[in-house]
Amino acid sequence: MIHHAVTVDRPELRYRTSWGGDHLVRGRERMTDADWVSLGTAEGDDEYYARFEALFGLDIRPAG
């Protein structure tokens, strides 16, 4: 990805390179700012993980 970014004629401002990057960007584009802020009001990890998965389609629960 780095090679592409520095050699392409028309580079992008940002590149999605992390695990789940596309899901995160698409999910954030679909939600309002209020939805984004409310994600941080979850009371406890389990509630946060469930909300995050509903919004982004990614399960970020720790293994185990």
PDB file of N, CA and C in Angstrom:
ATOM      1  N   MET A   1       0.823  -1.182   0.000  1.00  0.00           N
ATOM      2  CA  MET A   1       0.000   0.000   0.000  1.00  0.00           C
ATOM      3  C   MET A   1       0.876   1.258   0.000  1.00  0.00           C
ATOM      4  N   ILE A   2       1.925   1.239   0.788  1.00  0.00           N
ATOM      5  CA  ILE A   2       2.813   2.410   0.846  1.00  0.00           C
ATOM      6  C   ILE A   2       3.451   2.659  -0.516  1.00  0.00           C
ATOM      7  N   HIS A   3       3.924   1.598  -1.146  1.00  0.00           N
ATOM      8  CA  HIS A   3       4.524   1.748  -2.471  1.00  0.00           C
ATOM      9  C   HIS A   3       3.522   2.357  -3.438  1.00  0.00           C
ATOM     10  N   HIS A   4       2.317   1.851  -3.434  1.00  0.00           N
ATOM     11  CA  HIS A   4       1.271   2.383  -4.301  1.00  0.00           C
ATOM     12  C   HIS A   4       1.023   3.865  -4.015  1.00  0.00           C
ATOM     13  N   ALA A   5       0.915   4.221  -2.760  1.00  0.00           N
ATOM     14  CA  ALA A   5       0.607   5.599  -2.371  1.00  0.00           C
ATOM     15  C   ALA A   5       1.671   6.584  -2.837  1.00  0.00           C
ATOM     16  N   VAL A   6       2.920   6.167  -2.833  1.00  0.00           N
ATOM     17  CA  VAL A   6       3.988   7.106  -3.213  1.00  0.00           C
ATOM     18  C   VAL A   6       4.350   7.050  -4.697  1.00  0.00           C
ATOM     19  N   THR A   7       3.817   6.073  -5.426  1.00  0.00           N
ATOM     20  CA  THR A   7       4.161   5.978  -6.841  1.00  0.00           C
ATOM     21  C   THR A   7       3.000   6.262  -7.784  1.00  0.00           C
ATOM     22  N   VAL A   8       1.786   6.272  -7.299  1.00  0.00           N
ATOM     23  CA  VAL A   8       0.619   6.503  -8.152  1.00  0.00           C
ATOM     24  C   VAL A   8       0.563   7.972  -8.592  1.00  0.00           C
ATOM     25  N   ASP A   9       0.054   8.213  -9.777  1.00  0.00           N
ATOM     26  CA  ASP A   9      -0.025   9.587 -10.304  1.00  0.00           C
ATOM     27  C   ASP A   9      -1.010  10.467  -9.535  1.00  0.00           C
ATOM     28  N   ARG A  10      -2.097   9.877  -9.066  1.00  0.00           N
ATOM     29  CA  ARG A  10      -3.106  10.658  -8.346  1.00  0.00           C
ATOM     30  C   ARG A  10      -3.375   9.995  -6.988  1.00  0.00           C
ATOM     31  N   PRO A  11      -2.552  10.269  -6.006  1.00  0.00           N
ATOM     32  CA  PRO A  11      -2.726   9.620  -4.697  1.00  0.00           C
ATOM     33  C   PRO A  11      -3.998  10.088  -3.997  1.00  0.00           C
ATOM     34  N   GLU A  12      -4.503   9.226  -3.168  1.00  0.00           N
ATOM     35  CA  GLU A  12      -5.660   9.551  -2.339  1.00  0.00           C
ATOM     36  C   GLU A  12      -5.182  10.276  -1.087  1.00  0.00           C
ATOM     37  N   LEU A  13      -6.098  11.001  -0.450  1.00  0.00           N
ATOM     38  CA  LEU A  13      -5.751  11.675   0.793  1.00  0.00           C
ATOM     39  C   LEU A  13      -5.527  10.658   1.913  1.00  0.00           C
ATOM     40  N   ARG A  14      -6.366   9.637   1.948  1.00  0.00           N
ATOM     41  CA  ARG A  14      -6.264   8.605   2.985  1.00  0.00           C
ATOM     42  C   ARG A  14      -6.422   7.233   2.352  1.00  0.00           C
ATOM     43  N   TYR A  15      -5.786   6.237   2.961  1.00  0.00           N
ATOM     44  CA  TYR A  15      -5.891   4.859   2.518  1.00  0.00           C
ATOM     45  C   TYR A  15      -6.364   4.015   3.689  1.00  0.00           C
ATOM     46  N   ARG A  16      -7.294   3.133   3.424  1.00  0.00           N
ATOM     47  CA  ARG A  16      -7.804   2.219   4.453  1.00  0.00           C
ATOM     48  C   ARG A  16      -6.917   0.989   4.469  1.00  0.00           C
ATOM     49  N   THR A  17      -6.187   0.815   5.547  1.00  0.00           N
ATOM     50  CA  THR A  17      -5.240  -0.296   5.590  1.00  0.00           C
ATOM     51  C   THR A  17      -5.434  -1.216   6.789  1.00  0.00           C
ATOM     52  N   SER A  18      -6.229  -0.821   7.740  1.00  0.00           N
ATOM     53  CA  SER A  18      -6.361  -1.644   8.942  1.00  0.00           C
ATOM     54  C   SER A  18      -7.439  -2.706   8.781  1.00  0.00           C
ATOM     55  N   TRP A  19      -7.396  -3.677   9.668  1.00  0.00           N
ATOM     56  CA  TRP A  19      -8.443  -4.685   9.732  1.00  0.00           C
ATOM     57  C   TRP A  19      -9.770  -3.972   9.949  1.00  0.00           C
ATOM     58  N   GLY A  20     -10.754  -4.253   9.133  1.00  0.00           N
ATOM     59  CA  GLY A  20     -12.076  -3.671   9.302  1.00  0.00           C
ATOM     60  C   GLY A  20     -12.192  -2.231   8.831  1.00  0.00           C
ATOM     61  N   GLY A  21     -11.163  -1.706   8.215  1.00  0.00           N
ATOM     62  CA  GLY A  21     -11.172  -0.300   7.810  1.00  0.00           C
ATOM     63  C   GLY A  21     -12.352   0.068   6.924  1.00  0.00           C
ATOM     64  N   ASP A  22     -12.643  -0.772   5.930  1.00  0.00           N
ATOM     65  CA  ASP A  22     -13.774  -0.481   5.045  1.00  0.00           C
ATOM     66  C   ASP A  22     -15.094  -0.502   5.799  1.00  0.00           C
ATOM     67  N   HIS A  23     -15.260  -1.481   6.699  1.00  0.00           N
ATOM     68  CA  HIS A  23     -16.490  -1.552   7.502  1.00  0.00           C
ATOM     69  C   HIS A  23     -16.642  -0.295   8.360  1.00  0.00           C
ATOM     70  N   LEU A  24     -15.550   0.140   8.954  1.00  0.00           N
ATOM     71  CA  LEU A  24     -15.601   1.312   9.826  1.00  0.00           C
ATOM     72  C   LEU A  24     -15.967   2.570   9.055  1.00  0.00           C
ATOM     73  N   VAL A  25     -15.366   2.762   7.915  1.00  0.00           N
ATOM     74  CA  VAL A  25     -15.656   3.967   7.127  1.00  0.00           C
ATOM     75  C   VAL A  25     -17.090   3.938   6.624  1.00  0.00           C
ATOM     76  N   ARG A  26     -17.527   2.828   6.064  1.00  0.00           N
ATOM     77  CA  ARG A  26     -18.909   2.741   5.561  1.00  0.00           C
ATOM     78  C   ARG A  26     -19.922   2.879   6.687  1.00  0.00           C
ATOM     79  N   GLY A  27     -19.640   2.256   7.820  1.00  0.00           N
ATOM     80  CA  GLY A  27     -20.559   2.360   8.959  1.00  0.00           C
ATOM     81  C   GLY A  27     -20.683   3.780   9.466  1.00  0.00           C
ATOM     82  N   ARG A  28     -19.573   4.461   9.567  1.00  0.00           N
ATOM     83  CA  ARG A  28     -19.596   5.852  10.055  1.00  0.00           C
ATOM     84  C   ARG A  28     -20.320   6.764   9.072  1.00  0.00           C
ATOM     85  N   GLU A  29     -20.187   6.506   7.781  1.00  0.00           N
ATOM     86  CA  GLU A  29     -20.882   7.306   6.769  1.00  0.00           C
ATOM     87  C   GLU A  29     -22.397   7.167   6.874  1.00  0.00           C
ATOM     88  N   ARG A  30     -22.869   6.005   7.332  1.00  0.00           N
ATOM     89  CA  ARG A  30     -24.314   5.747   7.422  1.00  0.00           C
ATOM     90  C   ARG A  30     -24.952   6.352   8.670  1.00  0.00           C
ATOM     91  N   MET A  31     -24.173   6.710   9.662  1.00  0.00           N
ATOM     92  CA  MET A  31     -24.767   7.154  10.926  1.00  0.00           C
ATOM     93  C   MET A  31     -24.685   8.664  11.093  1.00  0.00           C
ATOM     94  N   THR A  32     -25.537   9.157  11.952  1.00  0.00           N
ATOM     95  CA  THR A  32     -25.516  10.577  12.281  1.00  0.00           C
ATOM     96  C   THR A  32     -24.446  10.824  13.343  1.00  0.00           C
ATOM     97  N   ASP A  33     -24.125  12.083  13.544  1.00  0.00           N
ATOM     98  CA  ASP A  33     -23.183  12.422  14.617  1.00  0.00           C
ATOM     99  C   ASP A  33     -23.753  12.019  15.972  1.00  0.00           C
ATOM    100  N   ALA A  34     -25.061  12.146  16.130  1.00  0.00           N
ATOM    101  CA  ALA A  34     -25.702  11.751  17.397  1.00  0.00           C
ATOM    102  C   ALA A  34     -25.529  10.250  17.641  1.00  0.00           C
ATOM    103  N   ASP A  35     -25.682   9.439  16.586  1.00  0.00           N
ATOM    104  CA  ASP A  35     -25.467   7.992  16.720  1.00  0.00           C
ATOM    105  C   ASP A  35     -24.031   7.694  17.148  1.00  0.00           C
ATOM    106  N   TRP A  36     -23.093   8.407  16.545  1.00  0.00           N
ATOM    107  CA  TRP A  36     -21.679   8.209  16.854  1.00  0.00           C
ATOM    108  C   TRP A  36     -21.406   8.544  18.320  1.00  0.00           C
ATOM    109  N   VAL A  37     -21.911   9.667  18.784  1.00  0.00           N
ATOM    110  CA  VAL A  37     -21.695  10.092  20.165  1.00  0.00           C
ATOM    111  C   VAL A  37     -22.377   9.118  21.125  1.00  0.00           C
ATOM    112  N   SER A  38     -23.566   8.646  20.771  1.00  0.00           N
ATOM    113  CA  SER A  38     -24.291   7.752  21.672  1.00  0.00           C
ATOM    114  C   SER A  38     -23.586   6.413  21.850  1.00  0.00           C
ATOM    115  N   LEU A  39     -22.761   6.032  20.898  1.00  0.00           N
ATOM    116  CA  LEU A  39     -21.993   4.797  21.049  1.00  0.00           C
ATOM    117  C   LEU A  39     -21.144   4.850  22.316  1.00  0.00           C
ATOM    118  N   GLY A  40     -20.641   6.019  22.633  1.00  0.00           N
ATOM    119  CA  GLY A  40     -19.805   6.180  23.821  1.00  0.00           C
ATOM    120  C   GLY A  40     -20.565   6.204  25.132  1.00  0.00           C
ATOM    121  N   THR A  41     -21.884   6.167  25.081  1.00  0.00           N
ATOM    122  CA  THR A  41     -22.684   6.191  26.318  1.00  0.00           C
ATOM    123  C   THR A  41     -23.064   4.799  26.797  1.00  0.00           C
ATOM    124  N   ALA A  42     -22.586   3.773  26.115  1.00  0.00           N
ATOM    125  CA  ALA A  42     -22.904   2.400  26.519  1.00  0.00           C
ATOM    126  C   ALA A  42     -22.448   2.164  27.948  1.00  0.00           C
ATOM    127  N   GLU A  43     -23.281   1.481  28.691  1.00  0.00           N
ATOM    128  CA  GLU A  43     -22.957   1.190  30.092  1.00  0.00           C
ATOM    129  C   GLU A  43     -22.397  -0.213  30.205  1.00  0.00           C
ATOM    130  N   GLY A  44     -21.134  -0.334  29.948  1.00  0.00           N
ATOM    131  CA  GLY A  44     -20.476  -1.628  30.062  1.00  0.00           C
ATOM    132  C   GLY A  44     -19.996  -2.139  28.716  1.00  0.00           C
ATOM    133  N   ASP A  45     -19.032  -3.024  28.796  1.00  0.00           N
ATOM    134  CA  ASP A  45     -18.404  -3.553  27.589  1.00  0.00           C
ATOM    135  C   ASP A  45     -19.379  -4.317  26.699  1.00  0.00           C
ATOM    136  N   ASP A  46     -20.187  -5.183  27.291  1.00  0.00           N
ATOM    137  CA  ASP A  46     -21.093  -6.000  26.486  1.00  0.00           C
ATOM    138  C   ASP A  46     -22.054  -5.138  25.673  1.00  0.00           C
ATOM    139  N   GLU A  47     -22.581  -4.098  26.287  1.00  0.00           N
ATOM    140  CA  GLU A  47     -23.482  -3.192  25.569  1.00  0.00           C
ATOM    141  C   GLU A  47     -22.731  -2.469  24.449  1.00  0.00           C
ATOM    142  N   TYR A  48     -21.527  -2.011  24.735  1.00  0.00           N
ATOM    143  CA  TYR A  48     -20.727  -1.329  23.717  1.00  0.00           C
ATOM    144  C   TYR A  48     -20.441  -2.261  22.546  1.00  0.00           C
ATOM    145  N   TYR A  49     -20.001  -3.488  22.815  1.00  0.00           N
ATOM    146  CA  TYR A  49     -19.694  -4.439  21.751  1.00  0.00           C
ATOM    147  C   TYR A  49     -20.923  -4.713  20.892  1.00  0.00           C
ATOM    148  N   ALA A  50     -22.070  -4.866  21.522  1.00  0.00           N
ATOM    149  CA  ALA A  50     -23.309  -5.136  20.782  1.00  0.00           C
ATOM    150  C   ALA A  50     -23.680  -3.945  19.903  1.00  0.00           C
ATOM    151  N   ARG A  51     -23.602  -2.739  20.439  1.00  0.00           N
ATOM    152  CA  ARG A  51     -23.911  -1.538  19.641  1.00  0.00           C
ATOM    153  C   ARG A  51     -22.929  -1.393  18.477  1.00  0.00           C
ATOM    154  N   PHE A  52     -21.650  -1.599  18.763  1.00  0.00           N
ATOM    155  CA  PHE A  52     -20.616  -1.469  17.736  1.00  0.00           C
ATOM    156  C   PHE A  52     -20.870  -2.453  16.602  1.00  0.00           C
ATOM    157  N   GLU A  53     -21.186  -3.676  16.949  1.00  0.00           N
ATOM    158  CA  GLU A  53     -21.446  -4.685  15.923  1.00  0.00           C
ATOM    159  C   GLU A  53     -22.688  -4.336  15.103  1.00  0.00           C
ATOM    160  N   ALA A  54     -23.718  -3.826  15.763  1.00  0.00           N
ATOM    161  CA  ALA A  54     -24.930  -3.423  15.042  1.00  0.00           C
ATOM    162  C   ALA A  54     -24.647  -2.277  14.070  1.00  0.00           C
ATOM    163  N   LEU A  55     -23.812  -1.346  14.469  1.00  0.00           N
ATOM    164  CA  LEU A  55     -23.516  -0.181  13.632  1.00  0.00           C
ATOM    165  C   LEU A  55     -22.514  -0.461  12.523  1.00  0.00           C
ATOM    166  N   PHE A  56     -21.516  -1.272  12.811  1.00  0.00           N
ATOM    167  CA  PHE A  56     -20.413  -1.452  11.871  1.00  0.00           C
ATOM    168  C   PHE A  56     -20.318  -2.857  11.252  1.00  0.00           C
ATOM    169  N   GLY A  57     -21.048  -3.809  11.805  1.00  0.00           N
ATOM    170  CA  GLY A  57     -20.964  -5.158  11.282  1.00  0.00           C
ATOM    171  C   GLY A  57     -19.673  -5.862  11.643  1.00  0.00           C
ATOM    172  N   LEU A  58     -19.000  -5.388  12.697  1.00  0.00           N
ATOM    173  CA  LEU A  58     -17.748  -5.985  13.153  1.00  0.00           C
ATOM    174  C   LEU A  58     -17.878  -6.428  14.602  1.00  0.00           C
ATOM    175  N   ASP A  59     -17.433  -7.626  14.881  1.00  0.00           N
ATOM    176  CA  ASP A  59     -17.411  -8.133  16.247  1.00  0.00           C
ATOM    177  C   ASP A  59     -16.034  -7.837  16.829  1.00  0.00           C
ATOM    178  N   ILE A  60     -15.967  -6.902  17.766  1.00  0.00           N
ATOM    179  CA  ILE A  60     -14.675  -6.500  18.349  1.00  0.00           C
ATOM    180  C   ILE A  60     -14.486  -7.053  19.753  1.00  0.00           C
ATOM    181  N   ARG A  61     -15.345  -8.011  20.138  1.00  0.00           N
ATOM    182  CA  ARG A  61     -15.188  -8.615  21.460  1.00  0.00           C
ATOM    183  C   ARG A  61     -13.844  -9.331  21.552  1.00  0.00           C
ATOM    184  N   PRO A  62     -13.174  -9.206  22.683  1.00  0.00           N
ATOM    185  CA  PRO A  62     -11.907  -9.926  22.860  1.00  0.00           C
ATOM    186  C   PRO A  62     -12.128 -11.439  22.785  1.00  0.00           C
ATOM    187  N   ALA A  63     -11.190 -12.138  22.207  1.00  0.00           N
ATOM    188  CA  ALA A  63     -11.280 -13.593  22.139  1.00  0.00           C
ATOM    189  C   ALA A  63     -11.204 -14.188  23.526  1.00  0.00           C
ATOM    190  N   GLY A  64     -11.941 -15.258  23.716  1.00  0.00           N
ATOM    191  CA  GLY A  64     -11.839 -15.948  24.992  1.00  0.00           C
ATOM    192  C   GLY A  64     -13.024 -15.828  25.760  1.00  0.00           C
TER     193      GLY A  64
END
